[in-house]
Amino acid sequence: MPTPHIAAGPGEIAPLVLMPGDPRRGRRIAQEFFDDPRLVTDVRSIEGWTGSIRGRAVTVIASGMGIPSMSIYATELYRFYDVQRIVRVGTTGGLAEGQALGELVIASSAHTDSALPGLQIPGVSLSHAPAYGMLEAAVHAARSRSLPYRVGPVLSSDTFYGSPPEKVAALAARGTLGIEMESAGLYAIAALEGREALTVLTVSDHILRGEEVSSADRETGYAPMVEVAVEALFSETLAR
């Protein structure tokens, strides 16, 4: 049924979902990867496209920016459209030594400075982690394609600007691979709804080195990330 933020009808959202932050990237993914993509929702200009990849139905729909927006879309997809798996595909600012621009980050956990995910169980600091089977499939896909990748934690931050240098340095020293804004919310909602999730990211800039890819490369250099994400969606064990 339609929700306040998704207008798709029954059966128009596939059980397997790719979720970029940017609606334009969602449209490009549908056009470049899907057979017969069709627009199924565009509420608030957040487009959702459903098509097929290798004969399996897949939907791509944007999350918007930040944990609150991600939490709304992930909840509605899992709870009202019976989505089983979501893979977030997006960009991250890198933190690791020697990390190259364009390298993949497969998020084995997501720290956060947001209070929102922690509200689920008062007094408990929950760990935000993906479905292991999807994580394993993504790692295998990246390795088998000889893609540069790392597996480890990211920070899902509530702020885009102004992180204190000492905070960034402390995160890097503890093995955090990048900073983004949505993964902890996705992992928390997946756990709450009893479904599965994963995040696969592309390093678009390196925070400590001050390097970044061009805006054109940011918009077009996502194919390896999507290929890895699709393999995670298609891995054998589905949550029930």
C-alpha atoms as a PDB file:
ATOM      1  CA  MET A   1       0.000   0.000   0.000  1.00  0.00           C
ATOM      2  CA  PRO A   2       1.195   3.585  -0.494  1.00  0.00           C
ATOM      3  CA  THR A   3       2.801   5.226   2.542  1.00  0.00           C
ATOM      4  CA  PRO A   4       3.304   8.908   3.355  1.00  0.00           C
ATOM      5  CA  HIS A   5       6.634   8.830   1.483  1.00  0.00           C
ATOM      6  CA  ILE A   6       6.295   6.033  -1.108  1.00  0.00           C
ATOM      7  CA  ALA A   7       3.488   5.937  -3.672  1.00  0.00           C
ATOM      8  CA  ALA A   8       4.156   2.480  -5.166  1.00  0.00           C
ATOM      9  CA  GLY A   9       1.245   0.083  -5.283  1.00  0.00           C
ATOM     10  CA  PRO A  10       1.161  -3.558  -4.115  1.00  0.00           C
ATOM     11  CA  GLY A  11       3.833  -5.642  -5.804  1.00  0.00           C
ATOM     12  CA  GLU A  12       5.612  -2.646  -7.343  1.00  0.00           C
ATOM     13  CA  ILE A  13       8.531  -2.707  -4.875  1.00  0.00           C
ATOM     14  CA  ALA A  14      10.825  -5.741  -5.176  1.00  0.00           C
ATOM     15  CA  PRO A  15      12.000  -7.671  -2.080  1.00  0.00           C
ATOM     16  CA  LEU A  16      15.585  -6.649  -2.921  1.00  0.00           C
ATOM     17  CA  VAL A  17      16.443  -2.934  -2.818  1.00  0.00           C
ATOM     18  CA  LEU A  18      19.456  -0.819  -3.720  1.00  0.00           C
ATOM     19  CA  MET A  19      19.445   2.487  -1.846  1.00  0.00           C
ATOM     20  CA  PRO A  20      21.680   5.403  -2.791  1.00  0.00           C
ATOM     21  CA  GLY A  21      21.313   8.703  -1.002  1.00  0.00           C
ATOM     22  CA  ASP A  22      20.930  10.743  -4.194  1.00  0.00           C
ATOM     23  CA  PRO A  23      17.753  10.353  -6.315  1.00  0.00           C
ATOM     24  CA  ARG A  24      19.710  11.162  -9.478  1.00  0.00           C
ATOM     25  CA  ARG A  25      22.109   8.316  -8.769  1.00  0.00           C
ATOM     26  CA  GLY A  26      19.108   6.051  -8.243  1.00  0.00           C
ATOM     27  CA  ARG A  27      17.765   6.931 -11.669  1.00  0.00           C
ATOM     28  CA  ARG A  28      21.143   6.303 -13.276  1.00  0.00           C
ATOM     29  CA  ILE A  29      21.466   2.931 -11.564  1.00  0.00           C
ATOM     30  CA  ALA A  30      18.040   1.935 -12.893  1.00  0.00           C
ATOM     31  CA  GLN A  31      18.869   3.072 -16.416  1.00  0.00           C
ATOM     32  CA  GLU A  32      22.315   1.471 -16.503  1.00  0.00           C
ATOM     33  CA  PHE A  33      21.772  -1.788 -14.607  1.00  0.00           C
ATOM     34  CA  PHE A  34      18.080  -2.714 -14.876  1.00  0.00           C
ATOM     35  CA  ASP A  35      16.250  -4.471 -17.664  1.00  0.00           C
ATOM     36  CA  ASP A  36      12.955  -2.656 -18.351  1.00  0.00           C
ATOM     37  CA  PRO A  37      13.127  -0.134 -15.477  1.00  0.00           C
ATOM     38  CA  ARG A  38       9.858   1.558 -14.581  1.00  0.00           C
ATOM     39  CA  LEU A  39       9.200   4.446 -12.231  1.00  0.00           C
ATOM     40  CA  VAL A  40       6.975   3.300  -9.356  1.00  0.00           C
ATOM     41  CA  THR A  41       7.125   6.290  -6.991  1.00  0.00           C
ATOM     42  CA  ASP A  42       8.325   9.905  -6.992  1.00  0.00           C
ATOM     43  CA  VAL A  43       6.902  11.404  -3.804  1.00  0.00           C
ATOM     44  CA  ARG A  44       8.939  14.489  -2.745  1.00  0.00           C
ATOM     45  CA  SER A  45      11.106  13.888  -5.854  1.00  0.00           C
ATOM     46  CA  ILE A  46      12.492  10.696  -4.292  1.00  0.00           C
ATOM     47  CA  GLU A  47      12.217   8.360  -7.239  1.00  0.00           C
ATOM     48  CA  GLY A  48      11.844   4.597  -6.943  1.00  0.00           C
ATOM     49  CA  TRP A  49      12.508   2.373  -9.954  1.00  0.00           C
ATOM     50  CA  THR A  50      11.787  -1.335 -10.301  1.00  0.00           C
ATOM     51  CA  GLY A  51      13.254  -3.594 -12.949  1.00  0.00           C
ATOM     52  CA  SER A  52      15.284  -6.784 -13.160  1.00  0.00           C
ATOM     53  CA  ILE A  53      18.917  -7.810 -13.099  1.00  0.00           C
ATOM     54  CA  ARG A  54      19.721 -11.265 -14.470  1.00  0.00           C
ATOM     55  CA  GLY A  55      16.030 -12.082 -14.319  1.00  0.00           C
ATOM     56  CA  ARG A  56      15.531 -11.116 -10.648  1.00  0.00           C
ATOM     57  CA  ALA A  57      13.359  -8.204  -9.568  1.00  0.00           C
ATOM     58  CA  VAL A  58      15.217  -5.311  -7.930  1.00  0.00           C
ATOM     59  CA  THR A  59      14.126  -1.845  -6.847  1.00  0.00           C
ATOM     60  CA  VAL A  60      16.336   1.219  -6.451  1.00  0.00           C
ATOM     61  CA  ILE A  61      15.057   4.082  -4.301  1.00  0.00           C
ATOM     62  CA  ALA A  62      16.952   6.955  -2.704  1.00  0.00           C
ATOM     63  CA  SER A  63      17.141   7.469   1.058  1.00  0.00           C
ATOM     64  CA  GLY A  64      17.875  11.184   1.081  1.00  0.00           C
ATOM     65  CA  MET A  65      20.525  12.519   3.468  1.00  0.00           C
ATOM     66  CA  GLY A  66      21.011  11.596   7.111  1.00  0.00           C
ATOM     67  CA  ILE A  67      19.780   8.993   9.556  1.00  0.00           C
ATOM     68  CA  PRO A  68      16.254  10.442  10.041  1.00  0.00           C
ATOM     69  CA  SER A  69      15.529  10.302   6.298  1.00  0.00           C
ATOM     70  CA  MET A  70      17.094   6.850   5.926  1.00  0.00           C
ATOM     71  CA  SER A  71      15.077   5.585   8.898  1.00  0.00           C
ATOM     72  CA  ILE A  72      11.786   6.717   7.352  1.00  0.00           C
ATOM     73  CA  TYR A  73      12.396   5.040   3.994  1.00  0.00           C
ATOM     74  CA  ALA A  74      13.907   1.851   5.422  1.00  0.00           C
ATOM     75  CA  THR A  75      11.024   1.417   7.880  1.00  0.00           C
ATOM     76  CA  GLU A  76       8.368   1.907   5.207  1.00  0.00           C
ATOM     77  CA  LEU A  77      10.109  -0.469   2.802  1.00  0.00           C
ATOM     78  CA  TYR A  78      10.584  -3.248   5.358  1.00  0.00           C
ATOM     79  CA  ARG A  79       7.289  -2.861   7.200  1.00  0.00           C
ATOM     80  CA  PHE A  80       4.779  -1.980   4.477  1.00  0.00           C
ATOM     81  CA  TYR A  81       6.336  -3.359   1.274  1.00  0.00           C
ATOM     82  CA  ASP A  82       7.794  -6.589   2.699  1.00  0.00           C
ATOM     83  CA  VAL A  83      11.312  -5.754   1.511  1.00  0.00           C
ATOM     84  CA  GLN A  84      13.760  -8.385   2.700  1.00  0.00           C
ATOM     85  CA  ARG A  85      17.116  -6.800   1.936  1.00  0.00           C
ATOM     86  CA  ILE A  86      18.465  -3.291   1.434  1.00  0.00           C
ATOM     87  CA  VAL A  87      21.999  -2.407   0.356  1.00  0.00           C
ATOM     88  CA  ARG A  88      22.999   1.207   0.801  1.00  0.00           C
ATOM     89  CA  VAL A  89      25.279   2.317  -2.042  1.00  0.00           C
ATOM     90  CA  GLY A  90      26.896   5.693  -1.571  1.00  0.00           C
ATOM     91  CA  THR A  91      30.066   7.660  -0.981  1.00  0.00           C
ATOM     92  CA  THR A  92      32.245   8.147   2.046  1.00  0.00           C
ATOM     93  CA  GLY A  93      35.082  10.345   3.164  1.00  0.00           C
ATOM     94  CA  GLY A  94      38.030   8.042   3.769  1.00  0.00           C
ATOM     95  CA  LEU A  95      40.092   7.901   6.958  1.00  0.00           C
ATOM     96  CA  ALA A  96      42.476   4.966   6.559  1.00  0.00           C
ATOM     97  CA  GLU A  97      46.174   5.306   5.808  1.00  0.00           C
ATOM     98  CA  GLY A  98      46.929   4.433   2.192  1.00  0.00           C
ATOM     99  CA  GLN A  99      43.267   4.392   1.228  1.00  0.00           C
ATOM    100  CA  ALA A 100      42.840   5.360  -2.434  1.00  0.00           C
ATOM    101  CA  LEU A 101      40.080   7.437  -3.937  1.00  0.00           C
ATOM    102  CA  GLY A 102      37.616   5.098  -5.613  1.00  0.00           C
ATOM    103  CA  GLU A 103      38.367   2.256  -3.198  1.00  0.00           C
ATOM    104  CA  LEU A 104      35.353   0.362  -1.822  1.00  0.00           C
ATOM    105  CA  VAL A 105      34.407   0.262   1.855  1.00  0.00           C
ATOM    106  CA  ILE A 106      32.189  -2.631   2.984  1.00  0.00           C
ATOM    107  CA  ALA A 107      30.828  -1.573   6.357  1.00  0.00           C
ATOM    108  CA  SER A 108      31.076  -4.350   8.937  1.00  0.00           C
ATOM    109  CA  SER A 109      29.660  -1.974  11.556  1.00  0.00           C
ATOM    110  CA  ALA A 110      28.506   1.616  11.846  1.00  0.00           C
ATOM    111  CA  HIS A 111      29.387   3.884  14.742  1.00  0.00           C
ATOM    112  CA  THR A 112      27.258   6.987  15.143  1.00  0.00           C
ATOM    113  CA  ASP A 113      27.108  10.294  17.001  1.00  0.00           C
ATOM    114  CA  SER A 114      23.326  10.372  16.478  1.00  0.00           C
ATOM    115  CA  ALA A 115      20.894   9.698  19.317  1.00  0.00           C
ATOM    116  CA  LEU A 116      18.248   8.267  16.991  1.00  0.00           C
ATOM    117  CA  PRO A 117      19.370   4.608  16.676  1.00  0.00           C
ATOM    118  CA  GLY A 118      20.087   4.395  20.415  1.00  0.00           C
ATOM    119  CA  LEU A 119      16.483   5.242  21.306  1.00  0.00           C
ATOM    120  CA  GLN A 120      15.340   1.695  20.533  1.00  0.00           C
ATOM    121  CA  ILE A 121      16.302   0.192  23.925  1.00  0.00           C
ATOM    122  CA  PRO A 122      16.718   2.761  26.705  1.00  0.00           C
ATOM    123  CA  GLY A 123      19.924   2.302  28.628  1.00  0.00           C
ATOM    124  CA  VAL A 124      21.552   0.065  26.028  1.00  0.00           C
ATOM    125  CA  SER A 125      24.151   1.131  23.484  1.00  0.00           C
ATOM    126  CA  LEU A 126      23.306  -1.077  20.524  1.00  0.00           C
ATOM    127  CA  SER A 127      25.874  -2.276  18.000  1.00  0.00           C
ATOM    128  CA  HIS A 128      24.884  -1.438  14.419  1.00  0.00           C
ATOM    129  CA  ALA A 129      25.952  -4.272  12.133  1.00  0.00           C
ATOM    130  CA  PRO A 130      24.948  -5.750   8.759  1.00  0.00           C
ATOM    131  CA  ALA A 131      23.692  -9.222   7.864  1.00  0.00           C
ATOM    132  CA  TYR A 132      26.747 -11.466   7.842  1.00  0.00           C
ATOM    133  CA  GLY A 133      25.742 -13.460   4.755  1.00  0.00           C
ATOM    134  CA  MET A 134      25.416 -10.273   2.737  1.00  0.00           C
ATOM    135  CA  LEU A 135      28.734  -8.984   4.086  1.00  0.00           C
ATOM    136  CA  GLU A 136      30.460 -12.224   3.141  1.00  0.00           C
ATOM    137  CA  ALA A 137      28.953 -12.163  -0.366  1.00  0.00           C
ATOM    138  CA  ALA A 138      30.077  -8.571  -0.920  1.00  0.00           C
ATOM    139  CA  VAL A 139      33.625  -9.360   0.169  1.00  0.00           C
ATOM    140  CA  HIS A 140      33.715 -12.365  -2.167  1.00  0.00           C
ATOM    141  CA  ALA A 141      32.375 -10.266  -5.051  1.00  0.00           C
ATOM    142  CA  ALA A 142      34.969  -7.529  -4.539  1.00  0.00           C
ATOM    143  CA  ARG A 143      37.807 -10.033  -4.202  1.00  0.00           C
ATOM    144  CA  SER A 144      36.784 -12.091  -7.233  1.00  0.00           C
ATOM    145  CA  ARG A 145      36.706  -8.908  -9.356  1.00  0.00           C
ATOM    146  CA  SER A 146      40.127  -7.799  -8.059  1.00  0.00           C
ATOM    147  CA  LEU A 147      38.589  -4.546  -6.843  1.00  0.00           C
ATOM    148  CA  PRO A 148      40.372  -2.473  -4.192  1.00  0.00           C
ATOM    149  CA  TYR A 149      38.316  -2.721  -0.997  1.00  0.00           C
ATOM    150  CA  ARG A 150      38.461  -2.669   2.782  1.00  0.00           C
ATOM    151  CA  VAL A 151      36.120  -4.135   5.373  1.00  0.00           C
ATOM    152  CA  GLY A 152      35.566  -2.391   8.675  1.00  0.00           C
ATOM    153  CA  PRO A 153      33.584   0.195  10.634  1.00  0.00           C
ATOM    154  CA  VAL A 154      32.346   3.552   9.402  1.00  0.00           C
ATOM    155  CA  LEU A 155      30.951   6.524  11.295  1.00  0.00           C
ATOM    156  CA  SER A 156      27.419   7.655  10.470  1.00  0.00           C
ATOM    157  CA  SER A 157      27.566  11.304  11.442  1.00  0.00           C
ATOM    158  CA  ASP A 158      24.732  13.739  12.059  1.00  0.00           C
ATOM    159  CA  THR A 159      26.882  16.584  10.712  1.00  0.00           C
ATOM    160  CA  PHE A 160      28.508  17.108   7.327  1.00  0.00           C
ATOM    161  CA  TYR A 161      30.637  20.118   8.279  1.00  0.00           C
ATOM    162  CA  GLY A 162      32.695  20.940  11.305  1.00  0.00           C
ATOM    163  CA  SER A 163      33.887  17.630  12.803  1.00  0.00           C
ATOM    164  CA  PRO A 164      36.732  18.509  15.207  1.00  0.00           C
ATOM    165  CA  PRO A 165      40.135  17.296  13.949  1.00  0.00           C
ATOM    166  CA  GLU A 166      40.755  15.448  17.197  1.00  0.00           C
ATOM    167  CA  LYS A 167      37.515  13.490  16.755  1.00  0.00           C
ATOM    168  CA  VAL A 168      38.455  12.515  13.207  1.00  0.00           C
ATOM    169  CA  ALA A 169      41.949  11.496  14.303  1.00  0.00           C
ATOM    170  CA  ALA A 170      40.585   9.377  17.154  1.00  0.00           C
ATOM    171  CA  LEU A 171      38.213   7.580  14.792  1.00  0.00           C
ATOM    172  CA  ALA A 172      41.030   6.871  12.347  1.00  0.00           C
ATOM    173  CA  ALA A 173      43.244   5.571  15.167  1.00  0.00           C
ATOM    174  CA  ARG A 174      40.510   3.102  16.102  1.00  0.00           C
ATOM    175  CA  GLY A 175      40.288   1.651  12.604  1.00  0.00           C
ATOM    176  CA  THR A 176      37.310   3.593  11.278  1.00  0.00           C
ATOM    177  CA  LEU A 177      37.453   3.497   7.484  1.00  0.00           C
ATOM    178  CA  GLY A 178      35.217   6.430   6.598  1.00  0.00           C
ATOM    179  CA  ILE A 179      32.569   8.948   7.574  1.00  0.00           C
ATOM    180  CA  GLU A 180      29.102   9.016   5.986  1.00  0.00           C
ATOM    181  CA  MET A 181      25.586   9.785   7.227  1.00  0.00           C
ATOM    182  CA  GLU A 182      23.155   6.864   6.897  1.00  0.00           C
ATOM    183  CA  SER A 183      24.466   3.346   7.609  1.00  0.00           C
ATOM    184  CA  ALA A 184      23.847   3.193  11.357  1.00  0.00           C
ATOM    185  CA  GLY A 185      20.210   4.147  10.764  1.00  0.00           C
ATOM    186  CA  LEU A 186      19.795   1.452   8.119  1.00  0.00           C
ATOM    187  CA  TYR A 187      21.416  -1.239  10.261  1.00  0.00           C
ATOM    188  CA  ALA A 188      19.331  -0.255  13.280  1.00  0.00           C
ATOM    189  CA  ILE A 189      16.035  -0.331  11.369  1.00  0.00           C
ATOM    190  CA  ALA A 190      16.902  -3.670   9.748  1.00  0.00           C
ATOM    191  CA  ALA A 191      17.524  -5.170  13.200  1.00  0.00           C
ATOM    192  CA  LEU A 192      14.299  -3.675  14.556  1.00  0.00           C
ATOM    193  CA  GLU A 193      12.236  -5.022  11.643  1.00  0.00           C
ATOM    194  CA  GLY A 194      13.950  -8.435  11.535  1.00  0.00           C
ATOM    195  CA  ARG A 195      15.299  -7.923   8.009  1.00  0.00           C
ATOM    196  CA  GLU A 196      18.729  -7.694   6.392  1.00  0.00           C
ATOM    197  CA  ALA A 197      20.957  -4.793   5.346  1.00  0.00           C
ATOM    198  CA  LEU A 198      24.441  -3.920   4.184  1.00  0.00           C
ATOM    199  CA  THR A 199      26.369  -0.817   3.159  1.00  0.00           C
ATOM    200  CA  VAL A 200      28.865  -0.712   0.284  1.00  0.00           C
ATOM    201  CA  LEU A 201      30.554   2.658  -0.235  1.00  0.00           C
ATOM    202  CA  THR A 202      33.005   4.314  -2.623  1.00  0.00           C
ATOM    203  CA  VAL A 203      35.703   6.586  -1.210  1.00  0.00           C
ATOM    204  CA  SER A 204      34.994   9.944  -2.855  1.00  0.00           C
ATOM    205  CA  ASP A 205      37.424  12.002  -0.783  1.00  0.00           C
ATOM    206  CA  HIS A 206      40.050  11.463   1.883  1.00  0.00           C
ATOM    207  CA  ILE A 207      39.393  13.585   4.930  1.00  0.00           C
ATOM    208  CA  LEU A 208      42.905  13.483   6.388  1.00  0.00           C
ATOM    209  CA  ARG A 209      44.739  14.058   3.103  1.00  0.00           C
ATOM    210  CA  GLY A 210      42.334  16.667   1.747  1.00  0.00           C
ATOM    211  CA  GLU A 211      41.909  14.862  -1.582  1.00  0.00           C
ATOM    212  CA  GLU A 212      38.663  14.402  -3.481  1.00  0.00           C
ATOM    213  CA  VAL A 213      37.404  13.111  -6.806  1.00  0.00           C
ATOM    214  CA  SER A 214      35.778  15.461  -9.290  1.00  0.00           C
ATOM    215  CA  SER A 215      32.008  15.944  -9.203  1.00  0.00           C
ATOM    216  CA  ALA A 216      31.791  14.191 -12.593  1.00  0.00           C
ATOM    217  CA  ASP A 217      33.677  11.137 -11.295  1.00  0.00           C
ATOM    218  CA  ARG A 218      31.531  11.133  -8.158  1.00  0.00           C
ATOM    219  CA  GLU A 219      28.423  10.803 -10.350  1.00  0.00           C
ATOM    220  CA  THR A 220      29.764   8.186 -12.754  1.00  0.00           C
ATOM    221  CA  GLY A 221      32.306   6.098 -10.813  1.00  0.00           C
ATOM    222  CA  TYR A 222      29.857   3.945  -8.911  1.00  0.00           C
ATOM    223  CA  ALA A 223      29.580   0.854 -11.165  1.00  0.00           C
ATOM    224  CA  PRO A 224      31.956  -1.416  -9.164  1.00  0.00           C
ATOM    225  CA  MET A 225      30.107  -0.557  -5.945  1.00  0.00           C
ATOM    226  CA  VAL A 226      26.737  -1.428  -7.503  1.00  0.00           C
ATOM    227  CA  GLU A 227      28.060  -4.710  -8.922  1.00  0.00           C
ATOM    228  CA  VAL A 228      29.261  -5.751  -5.460  1.00  0.00           C
ATOM    229  CA  ALA A 229      25.978  -4.634  -3.884  1.00  0.00           C
ATOM    230  CA  VAL A 230      23.956  -6.705  -6.357  1.00  0.00           C
ATOM    231  CA  GLU A 231      25.914  -9.836  -5.438  1.00  0.00           C
ATOM    232  CA  ALA A 232      25.122  -9.171  -1.781  1.00  0.00           C
ATOM    233  CA  LEU A 233      21.424  -8.817  -2.611  1.00  0.00           C
ATOM    234  CA  PHE A 234      21.472 -12.083  -4.563  1.00  0.00           C
ATOM    235  CA  SER A 235      23.391 -14.151  -1.986  1.00  0.00           C
ATOM    236  CA  GLU A 236      21.657 -17.341  -0.971  1.00  0.00           C
ATOM    237  CA  THR A 237      20.221 -16.966   2.531  1.00  0.00           C
ATOM    238  CA  LEU A 238      17.286 -14.575   2.884  1.00  0.00           C
ATOM    239  CA  ALA A 239      15.952 -13.499   6.267  1.00  0.00           C
ATOM    240  CA  ARG A 240      12.435 -14.731   7.076  1.00  0.00           C
END
